[in-house]
Amino acid sequence: MAKTKTSFKKGQSGNPKGKKPGTKGLPLVIKEARKVSQAEFLRTMFHYWNLTDEQRKKESHHDLSMGQIMVRKIYEMAGEGNTIAFKEILDRLYGQTNKKIEHTMPKPVVIEDLETGKAELLASEMRNADSDN
């Protein structure tokens, strides 16, 4: 097999200048919450989940550890639609998946004009796909 010329030099980092300014990494709140044990994460999450909005406002943060505060923040972020926070909760509840899911997509069929018989082509393709399975 022939070697191809690349811009990478042997022994040099693929990103010698590092991350560009302004690039966001994992939010600090997620990093801090990952330091909390699984049991503490779940205990804090379910306790906070069972509080009413009024109880949440009244509850003092002075009696909580930094980890507990971060777990609560993750809960709030997930409720606001933050997908990273939501994924963190799911990973803690159910564990991270290591399994890749293999799938195949059926061959796309483009219907340009139903009135000129293209619908028959679609029906034929669908019959062929069903017989292949």
N, C-alpha and C. Protein backbone atom coordinates (compact mmCIF):
# COMPACT_ATOMS: atom_id res chain seq x y z
N MET A 1 0.84 -1.17 0.00
CA MET A 1 0.00 0.00 0.00
C MET A 1 0.90 1.24 0.00
N ALA A 2 0.58 2.20 -0.82
CA ALA A 2 1.39 3.41 -0.96
C ALA A 2 1.15 4.35 0.22
N LYS A 3 2.23 4.99 0.68
CA LYS A 3 2.09 5.97 1.75
C LYS A 3 1.55 7.26 1.18
N THR A 4 0.71 7.91 1.95
CA THR A 4 0.18 9.21 1.53
C THR A 4 0.81 10.29 2.38
N LYS A 5 1.00 11.44 1.79
CA LYS A 5 1.60 12.56 2.51
C LYS A 5 0.54 13.21 3.40
N THR A 6 0.89 13.41 4.67
CA THR A 6 -0.02 14.06 5.59
C THR A 6 0.67 15.27 6.20
N SER A 7 -0.11 16.11 6.86
CA SER A 7 0.45 17.29 7.50
C SER A 7 0.97 16.98 8.91
N PHE A 8 0.80 15.75 9.37
CA PHE A 8 1.25 15.38 10.70
C PHE A 8 2.71 14.97 10.68
N LYS A 9 3.43 15.39 11.70
CA LYS A 9 4.84 15.03 11.82
C LYS A 9 4.99 14.00 12.94
N LYS A 10 5.85 13.03 12.71
CA LYS A 10 6.07 11.98 13.67
C LYS A 10 6.59 12.57 14.99
N GLY A 11 5.97 12.13 16.09
CA GLY A 11 6.40 12.57 17.41
C GLY A 11 5.83 13.91 17.84
N GLN A 12 4.95 14.51 17.03
CA GLN A 12 4.37 15.82 17.38
C GLN A 12 2.89 15.63 17.69
N SER A 13 2.40 16.35 18.68
CA SER A 13 1.00 16.29 19.05
C SER A 13 0.12 16.68 17.88
N GLY A 14 -1.04 16.05 17.80
CA GLY A 14 -2.00 16.39 16.75
C GLY A 14 -2.63 17.75 16.96
N ASN A 15 -2.50 18.30 18.16
CA ASN A 15 -3.07 19.60 18.46
C ASN A 15 -2.08 20.38 19.33
N PRO A 16 -0.94 20.78 18.76
CA PRO A 16 0.11 21.41 19.58
C PRO A 16 -0.29 22.75 20.21
N LYS A 17 -1.21 23.46 19.61
CA LYS A 17 -1.62 24.76 20.16
C LYS A 17 -2.70 24.63 21.22
N GLY A 18 -3.26 23.43 21.39
CA GLY A 18 -4.30 23.22 22.39
C GLY A 18 -5.65 23.69 21.92
N LYS A 19 -6.57 23.74 22.87
CA LYS A 19 -7.93 24.14 22.58
C LYS A 19 -7.98 25.62 22.23
N LYS A 20 -8.81 25.99 21.27
CA LYS A 20 -8.94 27.40 20.88
C LYS A 20 -9.66 28.17 21.98
N PRO A 21 -9.32 29.44 22.17
CA PRO A 21 -10.00 30.25 23.18
C PRO A 21 -11.50 30.29 22.91
N GLY A 22 -12.28 30.18 23.98
CA GLY A 22 -13.72 30.23 23.84
C GLY A 22 -14.36 28.87 23.64
N THR A 23 -13.54 27.83 23.39
CA THR A 23 -14.07 26.49 23.22
C THR A 23 -14.49 25.98 24.59
N LYS A 24 -15.69 25.45 24.66
CA LYS A 24 -16.19 24.97 25.95
C LYS A 24 -15.85 23.51 26.15
N GLY A 25 -15.44 23.19 27.35
CA GLY A 25 -15.22 21.80 27.73
C GLY A 25 -16.43 21.33 28.52
N LEU A 26 -16.25 20.28 29.28
CA LEU A 26 -17.31 19.78 30.13
C LEU A 26 -17.59 20.82 31.21
N PRO A 27 -18.86 21.17 31.42
CA PRO A 27 -19.17 22.19 32.43
C PRO A 27 -18.62 21.82 33.80
N LEU A 28 -18.17 22.82 34.53
CA LEU A 28 -17.59 22.63 35.86
C LEU A 28 -18.56 21.90 36.78
N VAL A 29 -19.84 22.20 36.67
CA VAL A 29 -20.82 21.58 37.54
C VAL A 29 -20.84 20.06 37.34
N ILE A 30 -20.68 19.61 36.10
CA ILE A 30 -20.65 18.17 35.82
C ILE A 30 -19.37 17.56 36.39
N LYS A 31 -18.25 18.25 36.20
CA LYS A 31 -16.98 17.74 36.73
C LYS A 31 -17.04 17.57 38.24
N GLU A 32 -17.61 18.55 38.92
CA GLU A 32 -17.69 18.49 40.38
C GLU A 32 -18.66 17.40 40.83
N ALA A 33 -19.77 17.26 40.14
CA ALA A 33 -20.76 16.24 40.53
C ALA A 33 -20.22 14.83 40.33
N ARG A 34 -19.29 14.66 39.41
CA ARG A 34 -18.71 13.33 39.18
C ARG A 34 -17.83 12.89 40.34
N LYS A 35 -17.46 13.83 41.21
CA LYS A 35 -16.65 13.48 42.38
C LYS A 35 -17.51 12.88 43.49
N VAL A 36 -18.83 13.02 43.36
CA VAL A 36 -19.76 12.51 44.37
C VAL A 36 -19.99 11.02 44.13
N SER A 37 -20.05 10.25 45.19
CA SER A 37 -20.28 8.80 45.05
C SER A 37 -21.64 8.54 44.41
N GLN A 38 -21.78 7.37 43.86
CA GLN A 38 -23.04 6.97 43.22
C GLN A 38 -24.20 7.06 44.21
N ALA A 39 -23.98 6.54 45.41
CA ALA A 39 -25.04 6.54 46.43
C ALA A 39 -25.44 7.96 46.82
N GLU A 40 -24.45 8.81 47.02
CA GLU A 40 -24.73 10.21 47.39
C GLU A 40 -25.42 10.95 46.26
N PHE A 41 -25.00 10.69 45.02
CA PHE A 41 -25.62 11.32 43.86
C PHE A 41 -27.10 10.97 43.82
N LEU A 42 -27.42 9.68 43.94
CA LEU A 42 -28.81 9.24 43.86
C LEU A 42 -29.63 9.75 45.04
N ARG A 43 -29.04 9.69 46.25
CA ARG A 43 -29.75 10.18 47.44
C ARG A 43 -30.11 11.66 47.28
N THR A 44 -29.15 12.45 46.84
CA THR A 44 -29.37 13.88 46.66
C THR A 44 -30.38 14.14 45.54
N MET A 45 -30.23 13.41 44.44
CA MET A 45 -31.12 13.60 43.29
C MET A 45 -32.57 13.31 43.67
N PHE A 46 -32.81 12.17 44.32
CA PHE A 46 -34.18 11.80 44.65
C PHE A 46 -34.76 12.68 45.75
N HIS A 47 -33.92 13.11 46.69
CA HIS A 47 -34.41 14.04 47.72
C HIS A 47 -34.86 15.34 47.06
N TYR A 48 -34.03 15.87 46.19
CA TYR A 48 -34.35 17.14 45.52
C TYR A 48 -35.56 16.98 44.61
N TRP A 49 -35.66 15.84 43.97
CA TRP A 49 -36.77 15.57 43.06
C TRP A 49 -38.11 15.60 43.80
N ASN A 50 -38.14 15.11 45.04
CA ASN A 50 -39.37 15.02 45.81
C ASN A 50 -39.78 16.33 46.49
N LEU A 51 -38.94 17.35 46.42
CA LEU A 51 -39.29 18.64 47.01
C LEU A 51 -40.18 19.44 46.06
N THR A 52 -41.07 20.23 46.64
CA THR A 52 -41.86 21.15 45.82
C THR A 52 -40.98 22.35 45.49
N ASP A 53 -41.40 23.15 44.53
CA ASP A 53 -40.64 24.36 44.17
C ASP A 53 -40.48 25.28 45.38
N GLU A 54 -41.53 25.38 46.19
CA GLU A 54 -41.48 26.24 47.38
C GLU A 54 -40.46 25.71 48.39
N GLN A 55 -40.43 24.40 48.58
CA GLN A 55 -39.47 23.79 49.51
C GLN A 55 -38.03 23.97 49.00
N ARG A 56 -37.84 23.89 47.68
CA ARG A 56 -36.51 24.07 47.11
C ARG A 56 -35.99 25.47 47.38
N LYS A 57 -36.87 26.48 47.25
CA LYS A 57 -36.46 27.86 47.48
C LYS A 57 -36.10 28.11 48.94
N LYS A 58 -36.82 27.46 49.85
CA LYS A 58 -36.59 27.66 51.28
C LYS A 58 -35.36 26.94 51.79
N GLU A 59 -35.01 25.84 51.15
CA GLU A 59 -33.90 25.02 51.64
C GLU A 59 -32.57 25.77 51.55
N SER A 60 -31.81 25.73 52.60
CA SER A 60 -30.53 26.44 52.65
C SER A 60 -29.42 25.61 52.02
N HIS A 61 -28.54 26.28 51.30
CA HIS A 61 -27.39 25.61 50.70
C HIS A 61 -26.23 25.52 51.69
N HIS A 62 -26.37 26.16 52.84
CA HIS A 62 -25.27 26.19 53.81
C HIS A 62 -25.02 24.82 54.44
N ASP A 63 -26.06 23.98 54.47
CA ASP A 63 -25.93 22.66 55.09
C ASP A 63 -25.51 21.58 54.09
N LEU A 64 -25.28 21.97 52.84
CA LEU A 64 -24.97 20.99 51.80
C LEU A 64 -23.49 21.00 51.44
N SER A 65 -23.02 19.86 50.99
CA SER A 65 -21.64 19.79 50.49
C SER A 65 -21.61 20.37 49.08
N MET A 66 -20.43 20.66 48.57
CA MET A 66 -20.30 21.18 47.21
C MET A 66 -20.86 20.18 46.21
N GLY A 67 -20.60 18.90 46.45
CA GLY A 67 -21.12 17.86 45.55
C GLY A 67 -22.64 17.85 45.50
N GLN A 68 -23.29 17.98 46.67
CA GLN A 68 -24.74 18.01 46.71
C GLN A 68 -25.30 19.22 45.98
N ILE A 69 -24.63 20.34 46.12
CA ILE A 69 -25.07 21.55 45.41
C ILE A 69 -24.95 21.33 43.90
N MET A 70 -23.87 20.70 43.47
CA MET A 70 -23.66 20.45 42.05
C MET A 70 -24.70 19.47 41.49
N VAL A 71 -25.03 18.45 42.28
CA VAL A 71 -26.04 17.49 41.84
C VAL A 71 -27.38 18.20 41.64
N ARG A 72 -27.71 19.07 42.56
CA ARG A 72 -28.96 19.83 42.43
C ARG A 72 -28.93 20.73 41.20
N LYS A 73 -27.79 21.32 40.95
CA LYS A 73 -27.65 22.18 39.77
C LYS A 73 -27.83 21.37 38.49
N ILE A 74 -27.28 20.15 38.46
CA ILE A 74 -27.45 19.28 37.30
C ILE A 74 -28.93 18.99 37.09
N TYR A 75 -29.64 18.73 38.18
CA TYR A 75 -31.08 18.46 38.10
C TYR A 75 -31.80 19.66 37.47
N GLU A 76 -31.46 20.85 37.92
CA GLU A 76 -32.07 22.06 37.38
C GLU A 76 -31.72 22.26 35.91
N MET A 77 -30.45 22.04 35.57
CA MET A 77 -30.01 22.21 34.19
C MET A 77 -30.73 21.23 33.26
N ALA A 78 -30.89 19.99 33.71
CA ALA A 78 -31.60 18.98 32.91
C ALA A 78 -33.05 19.40 32.70
N GLY A 79 -33.64 19.96 33.74
CA GLY A 79 -35.03 20.44 33.64
C GLY A 79 -35.18 21.60 32.68
N GLU A 80 -34.09 22.34 32.47
CA GLU A 80 -34.11 23.46 31.53
C GLU A 80 -33.76 23.04 30.12
N GLY A 81 -33.51 21.73 29.93
CA GLY A 81 -33.23 21.22 28.59
C GLY A 81 -31.77 21.01 28.25
N ASN A 82 -30.88 21.10 29.22
CA ASN A 82 -29.46 20.88 28.97
C ASN A 82 -29.22 19.38 28.78
N THR A 83 -28.85 18.99 27.55
CA THR A 83 -28.71 17.57 27.24
C THR A 83 -27.50 16.93 27.93
N ILE A 84 -26.45 17.69 28.18
CA ILE A 84 -25.28 17.14 28.87
C ILE A 84 -25.66 16.77 30.30
N ALA A 85 -26.42 17.64 30.96
CA ALA A 85 -26.86 17.36 32.33
C ALA A 85 -27.81 16.17 32.35
N PHE A 86 -28.71 16.12 31.39
CA PHE A 86 -29.66 15.01 31.32
C PHE A 86 -28.92 13.69 31.10
N LYS A 87 -27.92 13.69 30.22
CA LYS A 87 -27.13 12.49 29.96
C LYS A 87 -26.38 12.06 31.23
N GLU A 88 -25.88 13.02 31.99
CA GLU A 88 -25.17 12.70 33.23
C GLU A 88 -26.10 11.98 34.21
N ILE A 89 -27.34 12.46 34.30
CA ILE A 89 -28.31 11.81 35.19
C ILE A 89 -28.59 10.39 34.72
N LEU A 90 -28.84 10.23 33.43
CA LEU A 90 -29.13 8.89 32.89
C LEU A 90 -27.94 7.95 33.08
N ASP A 91 -26.73 8.46 32.86
CA ASP A 91 -25.53 7.63 33.05
C ASP A 91 -25.41 7.17 34.50
N ARG A 92 -25.75 8.06 35.43
CA ARG A 92 -25.66 7.70 36.85
C ARG A 92 -26.76 6.72 37.24
N LEU A 93 -27.94 6.89 36.66
CA LEU A 93 -29.05 6.00 37.01
C LEU A 93 -28.92 4.62 36.38
N TYR A 94 -28.54 4.58 35.10
CA TYR A 94 -28.55 3.34 34.36
C TYR A 94 -27.17 2.86 33.92
N GLY A 95 -26.17 3.66 34.10
CA GLY A 95 -24.82 3.30 33.66
C GLY A 95 -24.60 3.68 32.21
N GLN A 96 -23.34 3.82 31.86
CA GLN A 96 -22.99 4.16 30.49
C GLN A 96 -23.01 2.91 29.64
N THR A 97 -23.41 3.06 28.40
CA THR A 97 -23.45 1.92 27.50
C THR A 97 -22.12 1.77 26.79
N ASN A 98 -21.67 0.54 26.65
CA ASN A 98 -20.45 0.25 25.91
C ASN A 98 -20.78 -0.47 24.61
N LYS A 99 -22.04 -0.80 24.45
CA LYS A 99 -22.46 -1.61 23.31
C LYS A 99 -22.87 -0.71 22.15
N LYS A 100 -22.29 -0.99 20.98
CA LYS A 100 -22.68 -0.27 19.78
C LYS A 100 -23.85 -1.00 19.14
N ILE A 101 -24.78 -0.26 18.62
CA ILE A 101 -25.94 -0.84 17.98
C ILE A 101 -25.72 -0.81 16.48
N GLU A 102 -25.74 -1.98 15.87
CA GLU A 102 -25.59 -2.08 14.42
C GLU A 102 -26.97 -2.01 13.78
N HIS A 103 -27.07 -1.25 12.74
CA HIS A 103 -28.34 -1.17 12.03
C HIS A 103 -28.08 -0.85 10.56
N THR A 104 -29.03 -1.20 9.73
CA THR A 104 -28.94 -0.86 8.32
C THR A 104 -30.20 -0.10 7.94
N MET A 105 -30.03 0.80 7.04
CA MET A 105 -31.15 1.60 6.57
C MET A 105 -31.61 1.04 5.23
N PRO A 106 -32.92 1.03 5.00
CA PRO A 106 -33.39 0.58 3.70
C PRO A 106 -32.97 1.57 2.61
N LYS A 107 -32.85 1.06 1.40
CA LYS A 107 -32.47 1.91 0.27
C LYS A 107 -33.55 2.97 0.07
N PRO A 108 -33.18 4.25 0.01
CA PRO A 108 -34.20 5.29 -0.15
C PRO A 108 -34.84 5.22 -1.54
N VAL A 109 -36.13 5.48 -1.57
CA VAL A 109 -36.87 5.52 -2.82
C VAL A 109 -37.43 6.93 -2.96
N VAL A 110 -37.15 7.56 -4.08
CA VAL A 110 -37.62 8.92 -4.33
C VAL A 110 -38.85 8.85 -5.22
N ILE A 111 -39.90 9.44 -4.75
CA ILE A 111 -41.13 9.48 -5.55
C ILE A 111 -41.23 10.87 -6.14
N GLU A 112 -41.04 10.97 -7.42
CA GLU A 112 -41.07 12.28 -8.08
C GLU A 112 -42.48 12.68 -8.48
N ASP A 113 -43.26 11.73 -8.96
CA ASP A 113 -44.58 12.08 -9.45
C ASP A 113 -45.51 10.88 -9.27
N LEU A 114 -46.39 10.94 -8.29
CA LEU A 114 -47.28 9.83 -8.02
C LEU A 114 -48.24 9.56 -9.17
N GLU A 115 -48.62 10.59 -9.90
CA GLU A 115 -49.60 10.44 -10.97
C GLU A 115 -49.05 9.72 -12.19
N THR A 116 -47.76 9.61 -12.35
CA THR A 116 -47.20 8.96 -13.55
C THR A 116 -46.66 7.57 -13.25
N GLY A 117 -47.14 6.93 -12.20
CA GLY A 117 -46.78 5.55 -11.97
C GLY A 117 -45.61 5.33 -11.05
N LYS A 118 -45.07 6.39 -10.47
CA LYS A 118 -43.94 6.21 -9.57
C LYS A 118 -44.36 5.49 -8.28
N ALA A 119 -45.63 5.55 -7.94
CA ALA A 119 -46.11 4.85 -6.75
C ALA A 119 -45.92 3.36 -6.92
N GLU A 120 -46.05 2.86 -8.14
CA GLU A 120 -45.85 1.44 -8.40
C GLU A 120 -44.40 1.04 -8.11
N LEU A 121 -43.46 1.91 -8.45
CA LEU A 121 -42.06 1.65 -8.17
C LEU A 121 -41.83 1.50 -6.66
N LEU A 122 -42.44 2.38 -5.90
CA LEU A 122 -42.33 2.31 -4.45
C LEU A 122 -42.88 1.00 -3.92
N ALA A 123 -44.07 0.61 -4.40
CA ALA A 123 -44.69 -0.63 -3.95
C ALA A 123 -43.81 -1.82 -4.30
N SER A 124 -43.21 -1.81 -5.48
CA SER A 124 -42.32 -2.88 -5.92
C SER A 124 -41.09 -2.96 -5.02
N GLU A 125 -40.49 -1.82 -4.73
CA GLU A 125 -39.31 -1.78 -3.86
C GLU A 125 -39.64 -2.32 -2.46
N MET A 126 -40.81 -1.95 -1.97
CA MET A 126 -41.21 -2.40 -0.64
C MET A 126 -41.43 -3.93 -0.63
N ARG A 127 -42.02 -4.46 -1.70
CA ARG A 127 -42.21 -5.90 -1.78
C ARG A 127 -40.86 -6.61 -1.81
N ASN A 128 -39.91 -6.06 -2.59
CA ASN A 128 -38.58 -6.66 -2.66
C ASN A 128 -37.87 -6.62 -1.31
N ALA A 129 -38.03 -5.52 -0.61
CA ALA A 129 -37.40 -5.39 0.71
C ALA A 129 -37.99 -6.40 1.69
N ASP A 130 -39.31 -6.58 1.63
CA ASP A 130 -39.97 -7.54 2.53
C ASP A 130 -39.54 -8.96 2.21
N SER A 131 -39.37 -9.28 0.93
CA SER A 131 -38.97 -10.64 0.57
C SER A 131 -37.52 -10.92 0.92
N ASP A 132 -36.68 -9.86 0.97
CA ASP A 132 -35.27 -10.03 1.36
C ASP A 132 -35.13 -10.36 2.83
N ASN A 133 -36.05 -9.88 3.63
CA ASN A 133 -35.98 -10.11 5.09
C ASN A 133 -36.63 -11.40 5.39
